[in-house]
N, C-alpha and C. Protein backbone atom coordinates (compact mmCIF):
# COMPACT_ATOMS: atom_id res chain seq x y z
N MET A 1 69.08 21.05 -52.89
CA MET A 1 68.42 20.23 -51.89
C MET A 1 68.77 18.77 -52.17
N THR A 2 69.17 18.09 -51.14
CA THR A 2 69.53 16.68 -51.30
C THR A 2 68.28 15.81 -51.34
N LEU A 3 68.47 14.60 -51.80
CA LEU A 3 67.35 13.66 -51.88
C LEU A 3 66.79 13.36 -50.49
N GLY A 4 67.65 13.24 -49.50
CA GLY A 4 67.21 12.97 -48.13
C GLY A 4 66.35 14.09 -47.57
N ARG A 5 66.78 15.33 -47.82
CA ARG A 5 65.99 16.47 -47.34
C ARG A 5 64.65 16.55 -48.04
N ALA A 6 64.65 16.30 -49.35
CA ALA A 6 63.40 16.34 -50.11
C ALA A 6 62.44 15.25 -49.61
N ALA A 7 62.97 14.07 -49.36
CA ALA A 7 62.13 12.98 -48.86
C ALA A 7 61.59 13.31 -47.47
N GLY A 8 62.44 13.86 -46.62
CA GLY A 8 62.02 14.23 -45.27
C GLY A 8 60.94 15.29 -45.28
N LEU A 9 61.11 16.31 -46.13
CA LEU A 9 60.10 17.36 -46.22
C LEU A 9 58.80 16.82 -46.81
N SER A 10 58.90 15.88 -47.75
CA SER A 10 57.69 15.27 -48.31
C SER A 10 56.92 14.51 -47.23
N ILE A 11 57.64 13.78 -46.41
CA ILE A 11 57.01 13.04 -45.31
C ILE A 11 56.38 14.02 -44.32
N ALA A 12 57.08 15.12 -44.03
CA ALA A 12 56.54 16.12 -43.10
C ALA A 12 55.24 16.72 -43.63
N VAL A 13 55.21 17.06 -44.92
CA VAL A 13 53.99 17.62 -45.52
C VAL A 13 52.86 16.60 -45.47
N LEU A 14 53.19 15.34 -45.78
CA LEU A 14 52.18 14.28 -45.73
C LEU A 14 51.62 14.12 -44.31
N MET A 15 52.49 14.20 -43.32
CA MET A 15 52.04 14.08 -41.93
C MET A 15 51.09 15.22 -41.57
N VAL A 16 51.40 16.42 -42.01
CA VAL A 16 50.52 17.57 -41.71
C VAL A 16 49.17 17.39 -42.38
N LEU A 17 49.17 16.96 -43.65
CA LEU A 17 47.91 16.77 -44.36
C LEU A 17 47.07 15.65 -43.75
N VAL A 18 47.71 14.53 -43.43
CA VAL A 18 46.97 13.42 -42.82
C VAL A 18 46.46 13.82 -41.43
N GLY A 19 47.28 14.53 -40.68
CA GLY A 19 46.84 15.01 -39.37
C GLY A 19 45.64 15.93 -39.47
N ALA A 20 45.65 16.81 -40.47
CA ALA A 20 44.51 17.72 -40.67
C ALA A 20 43.26 16.92 -41.07
N LEU A 21 43.44 15.93 -41.93
CA LEU A 21 42.31 15.09 -42.33
C LEU A 21 41.73 14.35 -41.13
N TRP A 22 42.60 13.74 -40.33
CA TRP A 22 42.12 13.00 -39.17
C TRP A 22 41.42 13.93 -38.17
N THR A 23 41.96 15.13 -38.01
CA THR A 23 41.32 16.09 -37.10
C THR A 23 39.93 16.44 -37.60
N GLY A 24 39.82 16.72 -38.90
CA GLY A 24 38.51 17.05 -39.48
C GLY A 24 37.52 15.91 -39.34
N GLN A 25 37.99 14.69 -39.52
CA GLN A 25 37.10 13.54 -39.36
C GLN A 25 36.71 13.35 -37.90
N GLY A 26 37.67 13.50 -37.02
CA GLY A 26 37.38 13.32 -35.60
C GLY A 26 36.39 14.35 -35.06
N LEU A 27 36.44 15.56 -35.63
CA LEU A 27 35.52 16.62 -35.19
C LEU A 27 34.18 16.57 -35.92
N GLY A 28 34.07 15.65 -36.88
CA GLY A 28 32.82 15.50 -37.61
C GLY A 28 32.66 16.45 -38.78
N TRP A 29 33.72 17.18 -39.15
CA TRP A 29 33.65 18.11 -40.27
C TRP A 29 33.72 17.40 -41.61
N ILE A 30 34.36 16.22 -41.64
CA ILE A 30 34.52 15.45 -42.86
C ILE A 30 33.83 14.10 -42.64
N GLY A 31 32.81 13.83 -43.43
CA GLY A 31 32.04 12.61 -43.24
C GLY A 31 32.48 11.49 -44.15
N GLY A 32 31.76 10.38 -44.07
CA GLY A 32 31.98 9.27 -44.97
C GLY A 32 33.01 8.26 -44.51
N SER A 33 33.30 8.23 -43.23
CA SER A 33 34.30 7.30 -42.73
C SER A 33 33.88 6.79 -41.35
N SER A 34 34.43 5.66 -40.98
CA SER A 34 34.14 5.15 -39.63
C SER A 34 34.85 6.02 -38.58
N MET A 35 35.78 6.86 -39.02
CA MET A 35 36.49 7.74 -38.11
C MET A 35 35.70 9.00 -37.80
N THR A 36 34.67 9.29 -38.58
CA THR A 36 33.89 10.51 -38.42
C THR A 36 33.22 10.55 -37.05
N GLY A 37 33.44 11.64 -36.35
CA GLY A 37 32.81 11.83 -35.05
C GLY A 37 33.49 11.12 -33.90
N GLU A 38 34.60 10.42 -34.16
CA GLU A 38 35.33 9.71 -33.09
C GLU A 38 36.34 10.67 -32.48
N SER A 39 36.20 10.92 -31.19
CA SER A 39 37.07 11.90 -30.53
C SER A 39 38.53 11.49 -30.52
N THR A 40 38.81 10.20 -30.64
CA THR A 40 40.19 9.73 -30.68
C THR A 40 40.95 10.41 -31.82
N TRP A 41 40.31 10.51 -32.97
CA TRP A 41 40.98 11.09 -34.15
C TRP A 41 41.10 12.60 -34.03
N ALA A 42 40.23 13.23 -33.23
CA ALA A 42 40.36 14.66 -32.98
C ALA A 42 41.56 14.95 -32.09
N ILE A 43 42.06 13.95 -31.40
CA ILE A 43 43.25 14.08 -30.56
C ILE A 43 44.50 13.65 -31.32
N VAL A 44 44.42 12.51 -32.01
CA VAL A 44 45.57 11.97 -32.73
C VAL A 44 45.96 12.86 -33.91
N GLY A 45 44.98 13.43 -34.60
CA GLY A 45 45.24 14.25 -35.77
C GLY A 45 46.17 15.43 -35.51
N PRO A 46 45.87 16.27 -34.52
CA PRO A 46 46.77 17.39 -34.26
C PRO A 46 48.16 16.96 -33.80
N ILE A 47 48.24 15.83 -33.13
CA ILE A 47 49.55 15.32 -32.70
C ILE A 47 50.39 14.96 -33.92
N VAL A 48 49.79 14.24 -34.86
CA VAL A 48 50.51 13.85 -36.08
C VAL A 48 50.89 15.10 -36.88
N ALA A 49 49.98 16.04 -37.01
CA ALA A 49 50.27 17.28 -37.74
C ALA A 49 51.39 18.06 -37.05
N GLY A 50 51.36 18.13 -35.75
CA GLY A 50 52.41 18.83 -35.00
C GLY A 50 53.77 18.17 -35.17
N LEU A 51 53.79 16.85 -35.18
CA LEU A 51 55.05 16.14 -35.42
C LEU A 51 55.57 16.40 -36.82
N GLY A 52 54.67 16.51 -37.78
CA GLY A 52 55.07 16.85 -39.15
C GLY A 52 55.69 18.23 -39.23
N VAL A 53 55.09 19.19 -38.54
CA VAL A 53 55.65 20.55 -38.50
C VAL A 53 57.02 20.54 -37.82
N ALA A 54 57.15 19.81 -36.73
CA ALA A 54 58.43 19.72 -36.03
C ALA A 54 59.50 19.09 -36.92
N LEU A 55 59.13 18.06 -37.67
CA LEU A 55 60.07 17.42 -38.59
C LEU A 55 60.53 18.41 -39.65
N ALA A 56 59.62 19.16 -40.22
CA ALA A 56 59.96 20.15 -41.25
C ALA A 56 60.89 21.22 -40.68
N ILE A 57 60.58 21.72 -39.50
CA ILE A 57 61.43 22.74 -38.86
C ILE A 57 62.83 22.20 -38.62
N SER A 58 62.90 20.96 -38.16
CA SER A 58 64.19 20.33 -37.91
C SER A 58 65.02 20.19 -39.18
N ILE A 59 64.39 19.74 -40.25
CA ILE A 59 65.10 19.56 -41.52
C ILE A 59 65.57 20.91 -42.07
N ILE A 60 64.71 21.91 -42.04
CA ILE A 60 65.08 23.23 -42.56
C ILE A 60 66.17 23.86 -41.69
N GLY A 61 66.06 23.71 -40.38
CA GLY A 61 67.07 24.26 -39.47
C GLY A 61 68.44 23.64 -39.69
N ASN A 62 68.48 22.32 -39.87
CA ASN A 62 69.74 21.64 -40.12
C ASN A 62 70.34 22.08 -41.45
N ALA A 63 69.51 22.26 -42.46
CA ALA A 63 70.01 22.69 -43.77
C ALA A 63 70.60 24.10 -43.68
N ARG A 64 69.92 24.99 -42.95
CA ARG A 64 70.44 26.36 -42.81
C ARG A 64 71.74 26.37 -42.02
N GLN A 65 71.81 25.54 -40.99
CA GLN A 65 73.01 25.49 -40.17
C GLN A 65 74.20 24.98 -40.99
N LYS A 66 73.98 23.95 -41.79
CA LYS A 66 75.05 23.42 -42.63
C LYS A 66 75.49 24.44 -43.66
N ARG A 67 74.52 25.18 -44.23
CA ARG A 67 74.85 26.19 -45.22
C ARG A 67 75.66 27.32 -44.58
N ALA A 68 75.30 27.73 -43.37
CA ALA A 68 76.02 28.79 -42.68
C ALA A 68 77.43 28.34 -42.35
N GLN A 69 77.60 27.11 -41.91
CA GLN A 69 78.93 26.58 -41.63
C GLN A 69 79.76 26.54 -42.90
N SER A 70 79.15 26.15 -43.98
CA SER A 70 79.84 26.07 -45.26
C SER A 70 80.33 27.44 -45.70
N ASP A 71 79.48 28.46 -45.54
CA ASP A 71 79.87 29.83 -45.91
C ASP A 71 81.06 30.31 -45.09
N LEU A 72 81.04 30.02 -43.79
CA LEU A 72 82.15 30.42 -42.93
C LEU A 72 83.43 29.67 -43.30
N ASP A 73 83.30 28.41 -43.62
CA ASP A 73 84.46 27.62 -44.02
C ASP A 73 85.10 28.20 -45.28
N GLN A 74 84.27 28.64 -46.22
CA GLN A 74 84.80 29.22 -47.45
C GLN A 74 85.50 30.55 -47.16
N ARG A 75 84.94 31.34 -46.28
CA ARG A 75 85.52 32.65 -45.98
C ARG A 75 86.82 32.56 -45.21
N TYR A 76 86.86 31.68 -44.22
CA TYR A 76 87.97 31.67 -43.28
C TYR A 76 88.84 30.43 -43.38
N GLY A 77 88.73 29.70 -44.45
CA GLY A 77 89.63 28.58 -44.70
C GLY A 77 89.42 27.36 -43.84
N GLY A 78 88.20 27.09 -43.49
CA GLY A 78 87.89 25.87 -42.72
C GLY A 78 88.01 24.66 -43.61
N LYS A 79 87.25 23.66 -43.38
CA LYS A 79 87.28 22.38 -44.11
C LYS A 79 87.66 22.57 -45.57
N ARG A 80 88.64 21.83 -46.01
CA ARG A 80 89.04 21.88 -47.43
C ARG A 80 89.11 20.50 -48.00
């Protein structure tokens, strides 16, 4: 795994966790913040979490595609 992929996946995981936290606060499940019970955060949280999931899927998909291309290149004499 390259440093860029690791950093991207770390950001994606962070986005999912922060999105889940904001959702919990917006729905009033997690107290102790000015965000608690604010419906704005119940909307923004899932959006951020969803973007994090999309980022992770994109990074993993690109890595698999590059690996598959690399395997074919080795078998059939592509890029050298």
